[in-house]
Amino acid sequence: MAVFLFLEIHDLPVVALLQQLRKTFKGHPSNSPIHITIRGPYLKMPDRIDIGNLWDAIRAHGILVNRVAHFELNDRRVIYLRATSDVIRELWHKPDYPIHAFGFNPHITLYEGPVKRAADVERFLRVERLEFLCTELSLRFRDTEQGDFLTTATANPGSPQDSNSVLMSRYRWKDGIEHRAFRLVKEWAQ
């Protein structure tokens, strides 16, 4: 068993867009939530992780998600959006990927696949210039064998009322992105 601590995103416009992009790029829905893995793996469920003050800081400032990048994983490439916050580094503990060897790289994975297609996805996302300030968050443990989640904390630090001007200042992407992603995937089939 391997247990990880996820910082899960719940901002509905962001989740809907990223889940749709994942589905388009992969050809099927992802069973993984939109998240940033911030701790793990643990061999068993930790008894306690003290993050009280750090959680307050995340709730106060949210998580900025932007900047497309990639890393190589065997013969595949992983495309992701970087996630930044003043406090993620303090929460970070990934012994299989120590910062001194792999750097500090909080992210949301959007695609994993062959290098050629991944390069197309990365180019596409760079042109699209996605940017989100996510404030609806939860911390959840996930057991990779069971797929179970246990919510440990949630945050919604004063989500805006449904005002388009406020939402547009928190979430930026170009209209029609889903259609353009679909056209890109259609080109792969030709």
Protein backbone atom coordinates (compact mmCIF):
# COMPACT_ATOMS: atom_id res chain seq x y z
CA MET A 1 0.00 0.00 0.00
CA ALA A 2 1.13 3.54 -0.74
CA VAL A 3 -0.63 6.55 0.77
CA PHE A 4 -0.28 10.08 -0.59
CA LEU A 5 -1.53 13.44 0.61
CA PHE A 6 -3.27 15.39 -2.17
CA LEU A 7 -4.12 19.06 -2.27
CA GLU A 8 -7.30 18.69 -4.29
CA ILE A 9 -8.78 21.55 -6.34
CA HIS A 10 -12.56 22.07 -6.15
CA ASP A 11 -13.01 25.34 -8.09
CA LEU A 12 -15.77 24.12 -10.42
CA PRO A 13 -14.77 26.02 -13.60
CA VAL A 14 -11.18 24.82 -13.25
CA VAL A 15 -12.11 21.21 -12.50
CA ALA A 16 -14.56 21.09 -15.42
CA LEU A 17 -12.02 22.49 -17.89
CA LEU A 18 -9.05 20.38 -16.76
CA GLN A 19 -11.10 17.16 -16.60
CA GLN A 20 -12.36 17.85 -20.15
CA LEU A 21 -8.83 18.52 -21.41
CA ARG A 22 -7.54 15.32 -19.78
CA LYS A 23 -10.39 13.35 -21.34
CA THR A 24 -9.75 14.85 -24.79
CA PHE A 25 -5.99 14.25 -24.68
CA LYS A 26 -6.23 10.71 -23.25
CA GLY A 27 -9.33 9.60 -25.15
CA HIS A 28 -11.16 8.61 -21.96
CA PRO A 29 -12.05 10.20 -18.60
CA SER A 30 -9.45 10.24 -15.85
CA ASN A 31 -10.34 8.62 -12.55
CA SER A 32 -7.92 10.91 -10.74
CA PRO A 33 -9.18 14.18 -9.24
CA ILE A 34 -7.55 17.49 -10.13
CA HIS A 35 -4.85 17.61 -7.48
CA ILE A 36 -1.29 18.39 -6.44
CA THR A 37 0.51 15.54 -4.67
CA ILE A 38 2.28 17.21 -1.75
CA ARG A 39 3.30 14.30 0.49
CA GLY A 40 4.05 10.62 0.25
CA PRO A 41 4.34 7.85 -0.31
CA TYR A 42 3.66 6.59 3.19
CA LEU A 43 3.61 2.84 3.78
CA LYS A 44 0.48 3.23 5.91
CA MET A 45 -1.98 5.95 6.77
CA PRO A 46 -0.15 8.48 8.98
CA ASP A 47 -1.55 8.84 12.47
CA ARG A 48 -1.20 12.59 12.40
CA ILE A 49 0.26 15.33 10.26
CA ASP A 50 0.39 18.75 11.88
CA ILE A 51 -0.27 21.37 9.21
CA GLY A 52 -2.54 23.78 11.10
CA ASN A 53 -0.76 27.10 10.45
CA LEU A 54 0.20 26.11 6.91
CA TRP A 55 -3.39 25.22 6.11
CA ASP A 56 -4.48 28.66 7.34
CA ALA A 57 -1.95 30.26 4.97
CA ILE A 58 -3.18 28.23 1.99
CA ARG A 59 -6.77 29.17 2.82
CA ALA A 60 -5.80 32.83 2.98
CA HIS A 61 -3.92 32.99 -0.33
CA GLY A 62 -5.03 30.08 -2.51
CA ILE A 63 -2.93 28.32 -5.15
CA LEU A 64 -1.84 29.89 -8.43
CA VAL A 65 -1.87 27.37 -11.29
CA ASN A 66 -0.16 28.37 -14.55
CA ARG A 67 2.99 27.83 -16.67
CA VAL A 68 3.08 24.65 -18.70
CA ALA A 69 6.09 22.37 -18.34
CA HIS A 70 7.07 18.70 -18.65
CA PHE A 71 9.28 15.97 -17.31
CA GLU A 72 10.36 12.65 -18.78
CA LEU A 73 9.21 9.37 -17.27
CA ASN A 74 10.92 6.40 -18.93
CA ASP A 75 9.90 6.62 -22.61
CA ARG A 76 6.96 8.92 -21.89
CA ARG A 77 6.54 12.62 -21.25
CA VAL A 78 4.34 14.14 -18.54
CA ILE A 79 2.76 17.53 -19.30
CA TYR A 80 1.63 19.61 -16.35
CA LEU A 81 0.68 23.03 -15.05
CA ARG A 82 2.87 24.46 -12.29
CA ALA A 83 1.23 25.25 -8.96
CA THR A 84 2.62 27.94 -6.71
CA SER A 85 1.88 29.18 -3.22
CA ASP A 86 3.95 30.72 -0.50
CA VAL A 87 3.43 27.66 1.70
CA ILE A 88 3.41 24.56 -0.52
CA ARG A 89 7.17 24.13 -0.04
CA GLU A 90 6.66 23.93 3.72
CA LEU A 91 4.03 21.20 3.25
CA TRP A 92 6.11 19.32 0.68
CA HIS A 93 7.50 15.93 1.66
CA LYS A 94 8.05 13.44 -1.16
CA PRO A 95 10.90 11.12 -0.16
CA ASP A 96 10.92 9.35 -3.54
CA TYR A 97 11.53 12.72 -5.21
CA PRO A 98 13.82 14.70 -2.88
CA ILE A 99 14.13 18.40 -3.70
CA HIS A 100 17.93 18.24 -3.86
CA ALA A 101 17.76 15.65 -6.68
CA PHE A 102 14.54 16.53 -8.51
CA GLY A 103 13.88 20.13 -7.58
CA PHE A 104 10.70 21.54 -6.15
CA ASN A 105 7.93 20.91 -8.64
CA PRO A 106 4.31 21.12 -7.42
CA HIS A 107 2.02 20.55 -10.39
CA ILE A 108 -1.25 19.28 -11.83
CA THR A 109 -0.72 16.58 -14.45
CA LEU A 110 -2.74 17.04 -17.64
CA TYR A 111 -1.23 14.44 -19.97
CA GLU A 112 1.17 11.52 -19.93
CA GLY A 113 2.03 9.79 -23.17
CA PRO A 114 4.39 9.36 -26.10
CA VAL A 115 6.91 12.18 -26.49
CA LYS A 116 5.60 13.37 -29.91
CA ARG A 117 1.99 13.73 -28.75
CA ALA A 118 3.08 15.18 -25.44
CA ALA A 119 5.10 17.83 -27.29
CA ASP A 120 1.93 18.73 -29.25
CA VAL A 121 -0.06 19.02 -26.00
CA GLU A 122 2.66 21.16 -24.40
CA ARG A 123 2.79 23.51 -27.42
CA PHE A 124 -1.01 23.73 -27.44
CA LEU A 125 -1.17 24.63 -23.74
CA ARG A 126 1.60 27.22 -24.06
CA VAL A 127 -0.42 29.03 -26.73
CA GLU A 128 -3.61 28.78 -24.65
CA ARG A 129 -1.96 30.37 -21.57
CA LEU A 130 -4.16 28.94 -18.82
CA GLU A 131 -4.05 30.66 -15.42
CA PHE A 132 -6.14 30.01 -12.31
CA LEU A 133 -6.16 31.25 -8.75
CA CYS A 134 -7.73 28.31 -6.93
CA THR A 135 -9.25 28.87 -3.51
CA GLU A 136 -11.63 25.95 -3.10
CA LEU A 137 -9.31 23.26 -1.80
CA SER A 138 -9.13 20.16 0.36
CA LEU A 139 -6.38 17.98 1.73
CA ARG A 140 -7.03 14.28 1.19
CA PHE A 141 -5.14 11.10 1.75
CA ARG A 142 -5.33 8.59 -1.06
CA ASP A 143 -4.52 4.91 -0.74
CA THR A 144 -3.30 3.84 -4.20
CA GLU A 145 -4.50 0.26 -3.73
CA GLN A 146 -7.98 1.11 -2.51
CA GLY A 147 -8.39 4.42 -4.30
CA ASP A 148 -10.08 5.67 -1.15
CA PHE A 149 -9.97 9.25 -0.03
CA LEU A 150 -10.17 10.59 3.47
CA THR A 151 -10.72 14.34 3.64
CA THR A 152 -8.60 15.93 6.32
CA ALA A 153 -9.37 19.61 5.82
CA THR A 154 -11.25 21.82 3.41
CA ALA A 155 -10.97 25.46 2.49
CA ASN A 156 -13.21 27.93 0.82
CA PRO A 157 -11.86 31.32 1.90
CA GLY A 158 -14.74 33.47 0.85
CA SER A 159 -15.43 32.23 -2.67
CA PRO A 160 -16.81 34.99 -4.82
CA GLN A 161 -20.48 35.28 -5.49
CA ASP A 162 -21.33 34.19 -9.02
CA SER A 163 -20.08 37.40 -10.53
CA ASN A 164 -18.51 36.95 -13.96
CA SER A 165 -16.07 39.81 -13.43
CA VAL A 166 -14.73 38.24 -10.24
CA LEU A 167 -14.59 34.76 -11.77
CA MET A 168 -12.77 36.03 -14.84
CA SER A 169 -10.14 37.64 -12.64
CA ARG A 170 -9.52 34.27 -10.93
CA TYR A 171 -9.70 31.98 -13.97
CA ARG A 172 -8.21 32.83 -17.35
CA TRP A 173 -8.43 30.86 -20.57
CA LYS A 174 -9.53 31.57 -24.12
CA ASP A 175 -13.06 30.72 -25.25
CA GLY A 176 -13.21 27.61 -27.40
CA ILE A 177 -10.20 25.86 -25.85
CA GLU A 178 -12.06 22.53 -25.63
CA HIS A 179 -12.84 22.63 -29.37
CA ARG A 180 -9.23 23.47 -30.27
CA ALA A 181 -8.00 20.59 -28.07
CA PHE A 182 -10.38 18.22 -29.87
CA ARG A 183 -9.03 19.40 -33.26
CA LEU A 184 -5.47 18.72 -32.09
CA VAL A 185 -6.37 15.15 -31.09
CA LYS A 186 -8.16 14.62 -34.44
CA GLU A 187 -4.90 15.51 -36.19
CA TRP A 188 -3.19 12.63 -34.37
CA ALA A 189 -5.57 10.17 -36.02
CA GLN A 190 -4.66 11.34 -39.53
